[in-house]
Amino acid sequence: KTCRTDVRVIAATNRDLAECAEKGTFRRDLFYRLNVASVVVPPLRERADAIRPMAMAFPEQGETMGCEDQYLYGKYLLVAPVHNEDNTRRIYFPRGKWVSFWDNRETVEGPVSVERQVPLSSIPVYLRSGALIPLQLNGSLEPGQSMTVSRKNALLLTPPEEDGGDCWYRSAADASRYHFRHREDGFELFCDGMGKIPYLILKGLSGKPSGILLNRRPLKETHAGHSLYFEEGWYEESDGTVLIRLFSHERIELEVNAAESL
């Protein structure tokens, strides 16, 4: 008798598994099965507050006291696991703007509590405004899908609501600094350590940008995503996510001008 099951695997390691797979010390096929979406974070000794209950992350908002089964991962990822068999759950969004990790069309302005239908294929994850998160994706830049031999490093961004900055990590020992500058007509990003980052993924815009500048030079908008394999530029996907292609810039100054009205 065949028994079918649907499972999700979350794995963590302090080793570079891509390097181990190349050296033959870790099974290559297992690496590609596990490595659907990678997030590089510093060691726990440097981030005691990496996973925080909502009440700890937002103590000034009393509604978070009742959020016992959702949490903030780092500063910018809100995670709300599903426990019901009917695949629905109520999610509390603290003050500010949030956008779904999986669907850029789903944005929420908090504070508000919302009930969501959740497919079996994904866990509710939302990005806070002003996020900058390093990712490793498959060759098609598809979050949540199986890895391919071609792996792409990227930074996932959301527009800031105020000025601010921090460090981001390519590895546990490799930190670089970034800074957001909020403007009424868009925002700017100043970011170091970009030498091995060929893509930026921008979510949470209210509409199509009127223009994007990289190091004070206008980037060309392309009308097909595959064009970004060959030239610097930007492309808007069907859900409004913007992909930005970079070539060998150790430091970038990115300027995103105000979105056009939808």
C-alpha atoms as a PDB file:
ATOM      1  CA  LYS A   1       0.000   0.000   0.000  1.00  0.00           C
ATOM      2  CA  THR A   2       1.335   3.448  -0.945  1.00  0.00           C
ATOM      3  CA  CYS A   3       1.139   6.106   1.739  1.00  0.00           C
ATOM      4  CA  ARG A   4       1.515   9.662   0.468  1.00  0.00           C
ATOM      5  CA  THR A   5       2.705  12.491   2.649  1.00  0.00           C
ATOM      6  CA  ASP A   6       3.544  16.169   2.351  1.00  0.00           C
ATOM      7  CA  VAL A   7       6.485  17.396   4.432  1.00  0.00           C
ATOM      8  CA  ARG A   8       8.553  20.547   4.778  1.00  0.00           C
ATOM      9  CA  VAL A   9      12.186  20.406   5.857  1.00  0.00           C
ATOM     10  CA  ILE A  10      13.998  23.242   7.615  1.00  0.00           C
ATOM     11  CA  ALA A  11      17.731  22.606   7.952  1.00  0.00           C
ATOM     12  CA  ALA A  12      20.556  24.609   9.470  1.00  0.00           C
ATOM     13  CA  THR A  13      24.334  24.231   9.420  1.00  0.00           C
ATOM     14  CA  ASN A  14      27.495  26.126  10.316  1.00  0.00           C
ATOM     15  CA  ARG A  15      29.299  24.796   7.217  1.00  0.00           C
ATOM     16  CA  ASP A  16      29.365  25.940   3.601  1.00  0.00           C
ATOM     17  CA  LEU A  17      27.417  23.044   2.080  1.00  0.00           C
ATOM     18  CA  ALA A  18      27.923  24.271  -1.483  1.00  0.00           C
ATOM     19  CA  GLU A  19      31.665  24.032  -0.943  1.00  0.00           C
ATOM     20  CA  CYS A  20      31.289  20.633   0.750  1.00  0.00           C
ATOM     21  CA  ALA A  21      29.239  19.347  -2.187  1.00  0.00           C
ATOM     22  CA  GLU A  22      31.944  20.492  -4.613  1.00  0.00           C
ATOM     23  CA  LYS A  23      34.615  18.700  -2.541  1.00  0.00           C
ATOM     24  CA  GLY A  24      32.518  15.524  -2.306  1.00  0.00           C
ATOM     25  CA  THR A  25      32.158  15.617   1.488  1.00  0.00           C
ATOM     26  CA  PHE A  26      28.383  16.207   1.256  1.00  0.00           C
ATOM     27  CA  ARG A  27      25.979  14.500  -1.141  1.00  0.00           C
ATOM     28  CA  ARG A  28      25.354  16.820  -4.079  1.00  0.00           C
ATOM     29  CA  ASP A  29      21.822  15.492  -4.733  1.00  0.00           C
ATOM     30  CA  LEU A  30      20.858  15.976  -1.075  1.00  0.00           C
ATOM     31  CA  PHE A  31      22.242  19.519  -1.134  1.00  0.00           C
ATOM     32  CA  TYR A  32      20.033  20.472  -4.088  1.00  0.00           C
ATOM     33  CA  ARG A  33      16.977  18.899  -2.452  1.00  0.00           C
ATOM     34  CA  LEU A  34      17.516  20.760   0.810  1.00  0.00           C
ATOM     35  CA  ASN A  35      18.687  24.069  -0.601  1.00  0.00           C
ATOM     36  CA  VAL A  36      15.342  25.428  -1.822  1.00  0.00           C
ATOM     37  CA  ALA A  37      15.901  28.884  -0.296  1.00  0.00           C
ATOM     38  CA  SER A  38      18.963  29.862   1.725  1.00  0.00           C
ATOM     39  CA  VAL A  39      19.247  32.595   4.318  1.00  0.00           C
ATOM     40  CA  VAL A  40      22.705  33.427   5.706  1.00  0.00           C
ATOM     41  CA  VAL A  41      22.669  34.655   9.300  1.00  0.00           C
ATOM     42  CA  PRO A  42      25.418  35.356  11.843  1.00  0.00           C
ATOM     43  CA  PRO A  43      26.054  32.840  14.659  1.00  0.00           C
ATOM     44  CA  LEU A  44      23.658  32.750  17.615  1.00  0.00           C
ATOM     45  CA  ARG A  45      26.282  34.157  19.966  1.00  0.00           C
ATOM     46  CA  GLU A  46      25.987  37.397  17.975  1.00  0.00           C
ATOM     47  CA  ARG A  47      22.191  37.427  17.691  1.00  0.00           C
ATOM     48  CA  ALA A  48      20.508  36.405  20.916  1.00  0.00           C
ATOM     49  CA  ASP A  49      17.331  38.079  19.698  1.00  0.00           C
ATOM     50  CA  ALA A  50      17.207  36.319  16.299  1.00  0.00           C
ATOM     51  CA  ILE A  51      13.863  34.607  16.949  1.00  0.00           C
ATOM     52  CA  ARG A  52      11.595  36.738  19.115  1.00  0.00           C
ATOM     53  CA  PRO A  53       7.992  36.339  20.249  1.00  0.00           C
ATOM     54  CA  MET A  54       5.823  39.158  18.964  1.00  0.00           C
ATOM     55  CA  ALA A  55       5.374  40.612  22.456  1.00  0.00           C
ATOM     56  CA  MET A  56       9.154  40.849  22.842  1.00  0.00           C
ATOM     57  CA  ALA A  57       9.672  42.364  19.391  1.00  0.00           C
ATOM     58  CA  PHE A  58       6.823  44.905  19.772  1.00  0.00           C
ATOM     59  CA  PRO A  59       6.307  45.462  23.537  1.00  0.00           C
ATOM     60  CA  GLU A  60       4.633  48.838  22.960  1.00  0.00           C
ATOM     61  CA  GLN A  61       1.757  47.171  21.049  1.00  0.00           C
ATOM     62  CA  GLY A  62      -0.480  45.382  23.537  1.00  0.00           C
ATOM     63  CA  GLU A  63      -2.183  43.253  20.881  1.00  0.00           C
ATOM     64  CA  THR A  64       1.013  41.230  20.451  1.00  0.00           C
ATOM     65  CA  MET A  65       0.519  39.655  23.909  1.00  0.00           C
ATOM     66  CA  GLY A  66      -1.966  37.233  22.353  1.00  0.00           C
ATOM     67  CA  CYS A  67       0.311  36.205  19.456  1.00  0.00           C
ATOM     68  CA  GLU A  68       1.630  32.972  20.921  1.00  0.00           C
ATOM     69  CA  ASP A  69       2.288  31.058  17.691  1.00  0.00           C
ATOM     70  CA  GLN A  70       3.812  33.654  15.361  1.00  0.00           C
ATOM     71  CA  TYR A  71       7.206  35.294  15.702  1.00  0.00           C
ATOM     72  CA  LEU A  72       9.700  37.720  14.227  1.00  0.00           C
ATOM     73  CA  TYR A  73      12.777  36.112  12.639  1.00  0.00           C
ATOM     74  CA  GLY A  74      15.570  38.650  12.755  1.00  0.00           C
ATOM     75  CA  LYS A  75      14.339  42.202  12.344  1.00  0.00           C
ATOM     76  CA  TYR A  76      12.339  41.892   9.166  1.00  0.00           C
ATOM     77  CA  LEU A  77      10.631  38.491   8.720  1.00  0.00           C
ATOM     78  CA  LEU A  78       7.259  37.794  10.313  1.00  0.00           C
ATOM     79  CA  VAL A  79       6.524  34.044  10.386  1.00  0.00           C
ATOM     80  CA  ALA A  80       3.058  32.638  11.139  1.00  0.00           C
ATOM     81  CA  PRO A  81       2.985  28.796  11.022  1.00  0.00           C
ATOM     82  CA  VAL A  82      -0.328  27.080  10.246  1.00  0.00           C
ATOM     83  CA  HIS A  83      -1.686  24.627  12.820  1.00  0.00           C
ATOM     84  CA  ASN A  84      -5.256  24.158  11.580  1.00  0.00           C
ATOM     85  CA  GLU A  85      -6.345  21.346   9.278  1.00  0.00           C
ATOM     86  CA  ASP A  86      -8.439  23.765   7.203  1.00  0.00           C
ATOM     87  CA  ASN A  87      -5.295  25.727   6.237  1.00  0.00           C
ATOM     88  CA  THR A  88      -6.471  29.051   7.588  1.00  0.00           C
ATOM     89  CA  ARG A  89      -5.041  31.220  10.301  1.00  0.00           C
ATOM     90  CA  ARG A  90      -5.390  34.667  11.795  1.00  0.00           C
ATOM     91  CA  ILE A  91      -2.243  36.807  11.582  1.00  0.00           C
ATOM     92  CA  TYR A  92      -1.544  39.950  13.561  1.00  0.00           C
ATOM     93  CA  PHE A  93       0.500  42.584  11.723  1.00  0.00           C
ATOM     94  CA  PRO A  94       2.199  45.209  13.926  1.00  0.00           C
ATOM     95  CA  ARG A  95       2.371  48.854  12.964  1.00  0.00           C
ATOM     96  CA  GLY A  96       3.968  49.492   9.568  1.00  0.00           C
ATOM     97  CA  LYS A  97       3.839  48.074   6.061  1.00  0.00           C
ATOM     98  CA  TRP A  98       4.220  44.329   5.385  1.00  0.00           C
ATOM     99  CA  VAL A  99       4.426  42.413   2.100  1.00  0.00           C
ATOM    100  CA  SER A 100       4.135  38.672   1.516  1.00  0.00           C
ATOM    101  CA  PHE A 101       7.400  36.866   0.788  1.00  0.00           C
ATOM    102  CA  TRP A 102       5.513  34.682  -1.705  1.00  0.00           C
ATOM    103  CA  ASP A 103       3.162  37.153  -3.421  1.00  0.00           C
ATOM    104  CA  ASN A 104       4.142  40.779  -3.887  1.00  0.00           C
ATOM    105  CA  ARG A 105       0.489  41.707  -4.516  1.00  0.00           C
ATOM    106  CA  GLU A 106      -0.375  40.899  -0.900  1.00  0.00           C
ATOM    107  CA  THR A 107       0.491  43.912   1.235  1.00  0.00           C
ATOM    108  CA  VAL A 108      -0.842  44.801   4.675  1.00  0.00           C
ATOM    109  CA  GLU A 109      -0.744  48.057   6.623  1.00  0.00           C
ATOM    110  CA  GLY A 110      -0.628  47.410  10.367  1.00  0.00           C
ATOM    111  CA  PRO A 111      -1.661  47.388  13.090  1.00  0.00           C
ATOM    112  CA  VAL A 112      -4.367  44.959  12.002  1.00  0.00           C
ATOM    113  CA  SER A 113      -5.429  41.336  12.469  1.00  0.00           C
ATOM    114  CA  VAL A 114      -6.286  39.438   9.266  1.00  0.00           C
ATOM    115  CA  GLU A 115      -7.458  35.896   8.536  1.00  0.00           C
ATOM    116  CA  ARG A 116      -5.621  34.258   5.637  1.00  0.00           C
ATOM    117  CA  GLN A 117      -6.188  31.164   3.499  1.00  0.00           C
ATOM    118  CA  VAL A 118      -2.814  29.414   3.286  1.00  0.00           C
ATOM    119  CA  PRO A 119      -1.887  26.787   0.651  1.00  0.00           C
ATOM    120  CA  LEU A 120      -0.067  23.636   1.714  1.00  0.00           C
ATOM    121  CA  SER A 121       2.895  24.662  -0.427  1.00  0.00           C
ATOM    122  CA  SER A 122       3.946  27.648   1.702  1.00  0.00           C
ATOM    123  CA  ILE A 123       4.194  28.995   5.243  1.00  0.00           C
ATOM    124  CA  PRO A 124       2.958  32.574   5.794  1.00  0.00           C
ATOM    125  CA  VAL A 125       6.051  34.792   5.780  1.00  0.00           C
ATOM    126  CA  TYR A 126       5.923  38.588   5.519  1.00  0.00           C
ATOM    127  CA  LEU A 127       8.629  41.195   4.988  1.00  0.00           C
ATOM    128  CA  ARG A 128       8.767  44.375   7.017  1.00  0.00           C
ATOM    129  CA  SER A 129       9.477  47.717   5.337  1.00  0.00           C
ATOM    130  CA  GLY A 130      13.172  48.577   5.135  1.00  0.00           C
ATOM    131  CA  ALA A 131      14.300  44.941   4.886  1.00  0.00           C
ATOM    132  CA  LEU A 132      17.585  43.819   3.328  1.00  0.00           C
ATOM    133  CA  ILE A 133      18.039  40.035   3.353  1.00  0.00           C
ATOM    134  CA  PRO A 134      20.701  37.945   1.543  1.00  0.00           C
ATOM    135  CA  LEU A 135      19.326  34.907  -0.306  1.00  0.00           C
ATOM    136  CA  GLN A 136      20.566  32.110  -2.534  1.00  0.00           C
ATOM    137  CA  LEU A 137      18.006  31.048  -5.142  1.00  0.00           C
ATOM    138  CA  ASN A 138      17.799  28.724  -8.114  1.00  0.00           C
ATOM    139  CA  GLY A 139      18.775  29.826 -11.615  1.00  0.00           C
ATOM    140  CA  SER A 140      15.248  31.124 -12.280  1.00  0.00           C
ATOM    141  CA  LEU A 141      15.251  33.241  -9.090  1.00  0.00           C
ATOM    142  CA  GLU A 142      12.138  31.441  -7.801  1.00  0.00           C
ATOM    143  CA  PRO A 143      11.812  31.473  -3.973  1.00  0.00           C
ATOM    144  CA  GLY A 144      10.524  28.216  -2.549  1.00  0.00           C
ATOM    145  CA  GLN A 145      11.383  26.122  -5.607  1.00  0.00           C
ATOM    146  CA  SER A 146      13.993  23.366  -5.884  1.00  0.00           C
ATOM    147  CA  MET A 147      17.571  24.448  -6.421  1.00  0.00           C
ATOM    148  CA  THR A 148      19.286  23.966  -9.758  1.00  0.00           C
ATOM    149  CA  VAL A 149      22.945  23.503 -10.627  1.00  0.00           C
ATOM    150  CA  SER A 150      22.970  27.232 -11.367  1.00  0.00           C
ATOM    151  CA  ARG A 151      22.636  29.093  -8.048  1.00  0.00           C
ATOM    152  CA  LYS A 152      22.159  32.847  -7.815  1.00  0.00           C
ATOM    153  CA  ASN A 153      23.045  35.131  -4.913  1.00  0.00           C
ATOM    154  CA  ALA A 154      20.634  37.991  -4.350  1.00  0.00           C
ATOM    155  CA  LEU A 155      19.575  40.648  -1.877  1.00  0.00           C
ATOM    156  CA  LEU A 156      15.868  40.928  -1.105  1.00  0.00           C
ATOM    157  CA  LEU A 157      14.750  44.519  -0.408  1.00  0.00           C
ATOM    158  CA  THR A 158      11.620  46.350   0.698  1.00  0.00           C
ATOM    159  CA  PRO A 159      11.240  50.161   0.566  1.00  0.00           C
ATOM    160  CA  PRO A 160      12.020  51.899   3.879  1.00  0.00           C
ATOM    161  CA  GLU A 161       9.574  54.121   5.741  1.00  0.00           C
ATOM    162  CA  GLU A 162      12.429  56.027   7.408  1.00  0.00           C
ATOM    163  CA  ASP A 163      16.209  56.391   7.229  1.00  0.00           C
ATOM    164  CA  GLY A 164      18.241  53.564   8.743  1.00  0.00           C
ATOM    165  CA  GLY A 165      20.932  50.948   8.232  1.00  0.00           C
ATOM    166  CA  ASP A 166      22.709  47.925   9.660  1.00  0.00           C
ATOM    167  CA  CYS A 167      25.032  45.077   8.678  1.00  0.00           C
ATOM    168  CA  TRP A 168      24.268  42.207   6.329  1.00  0.00           C
ATOM    169  CA  TYR A 169      26.182  38.927   6.167  1.00  0.00           C
ATOM    170  CA  ARG A 170      27.456  36.937   3.184  1.00  0.00           C
ATOM    171  CA  SER A 171      28.788  34.413   5.706  1.00  0.00           C
ATOM    172  CA  ALA A 172      29.124  34.247   9.477  1.00  0.00           C
ATOM    173  CA  ALA A 173      32.500  36.017   9.302  1.00  0.00           C
ATOM    174  CA  ASP A 174      31.822  38.392   6.391  1.00  0.00           C
ATOM    175  CA  ALA A 175      29.766  41.439   7.347  1.00  0.00           C
ATOM    176  CA  SER A 176      29.082  44.508   5.204  1.00  0.00           C
ATOM    177  CA  ARG A 177      27.194  47.696   5.934  1.00  0.00           C
ATOM    178  CA  TYR A 178      24.174  49.235   4.252  1.00  0.00           C
ATOM    179  CA  HIS A 179      22.058  52.356   4.712  1.00  0.00           C
ATOM    180  CA  PHE A 180      18.588  53.297   3.470  1.00  0.00           C
ATOM    181  CA  ARG A 181      17.557  56.901   2.840  1.00  0.00           C
ATOM    182  CA  HIS A 182      13.814  57.482   2.680  1.00  0.00           C
ATOM    183  CA  ARG A 183      12.449  60.130   0.326  1.00  0.00           C
ATOM    184  CA  GLU A 184       8.946  61.286  -0.475  1.00  0.00           C
ATOM    185  CA  ASP A 185       9.637  60.521  -4.135  1.00  0.00           C
ATOM    186  CA  GLY A 186      11.300  57.136  -3.581  1.00  0.00           C
ATOM    187  CA  PHE A 187      14.313  55.850  -1.663  1.00  0.00           C
ATOM    188  CA  GLU A 188      18.076  55.356  -1.884  1.00  0.00           C
ATOM    189  CA  LEU A 189      20.251  52.427  -0.815  1.00  0.00           C
ATOM    190  CA  PHE A 190      23.995  52.597  -0.108  1.00  0.00           C
ATOM    191  CA  CYS A 191      25.454  49.100   0.255  1.00  0.00           C
ATOM    192  CA  ASP A 192      28.959  47.613   0.569  1.00  0.00           C
ATOM    193  CA  GLY A 193      30.126  44.060  -0.116  1.00  0.00           C
ATOM    194  CA  MET A 194      28.209  43.609  -3.377  1.00  0.00           C
ATOM    195  CA  GLY A 195      30.997  41.993  -5.418  1.00  0.00           C
ATOM    196  CA  LYS A 196      29.351  38.559  -5.576  1.00  0.00           C
ATOM    197  CA  ILE A 197      25.717  39.720  -5.607  1.00  0.00           C
ATOM    198  CA  PRO A 198      24.382  39.847  -9.193  1.00  0.00           C
ATOM    199  CA  TYR A 199      20.707  40.461  -8.380  1.00  0.00           C
ATOM    200  CA  LEU A 200      18.520  42.691  -6.232  1.00  0.00           C
ATOM    201  CA  ILE A 201      14.888  41.647  -5.682  1.00  0.00           C
ATOM    202  CA  LEU A 202      12.641  44.546  -4.749  1.00  0.00           C
ATOM    203  CA  LYS A 203       9.221  43.868  -3.193  1.00  0.00           C
ATOM    204  CA  GLY A 204       6.600  46.113  -1.652  1.00  0.00           C
ATOM    205  CA  LEU A 205       6.506  48.953  -4.177  1.00  0.00           C
ATOM    206  CA  SER A 206       3.117  50.613  -4.604  1.00  0.00           C
ATOM    207  CA  GLY A 207       3.508  50.620  -8.378  1.00  0.00           C
ATOM    208  CA  LYS A 208       5.978  50.510 -11.224  1.00  0.00           C
ATOM    209  CA  PRO A 209       9.059  52.726 -10.615  1.00  0.00           C
ATOM    210  CA  SER A 210       9.380  55.811 -12.785  1.00  0.00           C
ATOM    211  CA  GLY A 211      13.121  55.157 -12.928  1.00  0.00           C
ATOM    212  CA  ILE A 212      16.019  53.320 -11.249  1.00  0.00           C
ATOM    213  CA  LEU A 213      19.592  54.629 -11.050  1.00  0.00           C
ATOM    214  CA  LEU A 214      22.676  52.582 -10.176  1.00  0.00           C
ATOM    215  CA  ASN A 215      25.720  54.582  -9.086  1.00  0.00           C
ATOM    216  CA  ARG A 216      24.021  57.700 -10.532  1.00  0.00           C
ATOM    217  CA  ARG A 217      23.517  56.059 -13.919  1.00  0.00           C
ATOM    218  CA  PRO A 218      19.996  55.280 -15.193  1.00  0.00           C
ATOM    219  CA  LEU A 219      19.306  51.567 -15.582  1.00  0.00           C
ATOM    220  CA  LYS A 220      17.466  50.325 -18.645  1.00  0.00           C
ATOM    221  CA  GLU A 221      14.078  48.680 -18.183  1.00  0.00           C
ATOM    222  CA  THR A 222      13.876  45.375 -20.032  1.00  0.00           C
ATOM    223  CA  HIS A 223      10.661  43.738 -21.182  1.00  0.00           C
ATOM    224  CA  ALA A 224      11.757  40.140 -20.650  1.00  0.00           C
ATOM    225  CA  GLY A 225      13.389  38.666 -17.563  1.00  0.00           C
ATOM    226  CA  HIS A 226      15.906  36.611 -19.572  1.00  0.00           C
ATOM    227  CA  SER A 227      17.405  39.854 -20.932  1.00  0.00           C
ATOM    228  CA  LEU A 228      18.950  40.400 -17.498  1.00  0.00           C
ATOM    229  CA  TYR A 229      21.333  37.499 -18.119  1.00  0.00           C
ATOM    230  CA  PHE A 230      23.248  39.678 -20.579  1.00  0.00           C
ATOM    231  CA  GLU A 231      22.994  43.285 -19.412  1.00  0.00           C
ATOM    232  CA  GLU A 232      22.455  45.470 -16.376  1.00  0.00           C
ATOM    233  CA  GLY A 233      18.906  46.683 -16.052  1.00  0.00           C
ATOM    234  CA  TRP A 234      15.604  46.021 -14.329  1.00  0.00           C
ATOM    235  CA  TYR A 235      12.447  44.054 -15.016  1.00  0.00           C
ATOM    236  CA  GLU A 236       9.004  44.095 -13.416  1.00  0.00           C
ATOM    237  CA  GLU A 237       7.405  40.677 -12.893  1.00  0.00           C
ATOM    238  CA  SER A 238       3.652  40.038 -13.159  1.00  0.00           C
ATOM    239  CA  ASP A 239       3.108  40.500  -9.410  1.00  0.00           C
ATOM    240  CA  GLY A 240       5.022  43.795  -9.313  1.00  0.00           C
ATOM    241  CA  THR A 241       8.287  42.359  -7.968  1.00  0.00           C
ATOM    242  CA  VAL A 242      11.237  44.205  -9.522  1.00  0.00           C
ATOM    243  CA  LEU A 243      14.428  42.333 -10.471  1.00  0.00           C
ATOM    244  CA  ILE A 244      17.597  44.413 -10.799  1.00  0.00           C
ATOM    245  CA  ARG A 245      20.704  43.006 -12.506  1.00  0.00           C
ATOM    246  CA  LEU A 246      24.185  44.096 -11.395  1.00  0.00           C
ATOM    247  CA  PHE A 247      27.658  43.446 -12.772  1.00  0.00           C
ATOM    248  CA  SER A 248      30.699  43.511 -10.472  1.00  0.00           C
ATOM    249  CA  HIS A 249      30.056  46.444  -8.155  1.00  0.00           C
ATOM    250  CA  GLU A 250      31.718  46.165  -4.751  1.00  0.00           C
ATOM    251  CA  ARG A 251      29.700  49.156  -3.534  1.00  0.00           C
ATOM    252  CA  ILE A 252      26.425  50.438  -4.915  1.00  0.00           C
ATOM    253  CA  GLU A 253      24.322  53.549  -4.672  1.00  0.00           C
ATOM    254  CA  LEU A 254      20.815  52.602  -5.756  1.00  0.00           C
ATOM    255  CA  GLU A 255      18.101  55.186  -6.356  1.00  0.00           C
ATOM    256  CA  VAL A 256      14.500  54.088  -6.905  1.00  0.00           C
ATOM    257  CA  ASN A 257      12.236  56.902  -7.979  1.00  0.00           C
ATOM    258  CA  ALA A 258       8.587  57.185  -7.062  1.00  0.00           C
ATOM    259  CA  ALA A 259       6.236  54.534  -8.365  1.00  0.00           C
ATOM    260  CA  GLU A 260       3.828  55.410 -11.110  1.00  0.00           C
ATOM    261  CA  SER A 261       0.137  55.336 -10.168  1.00  0.00           C
ATOM    262  CA  LEU A 262      -1.608  52.057 -10.895  1.00  0.00           C
END
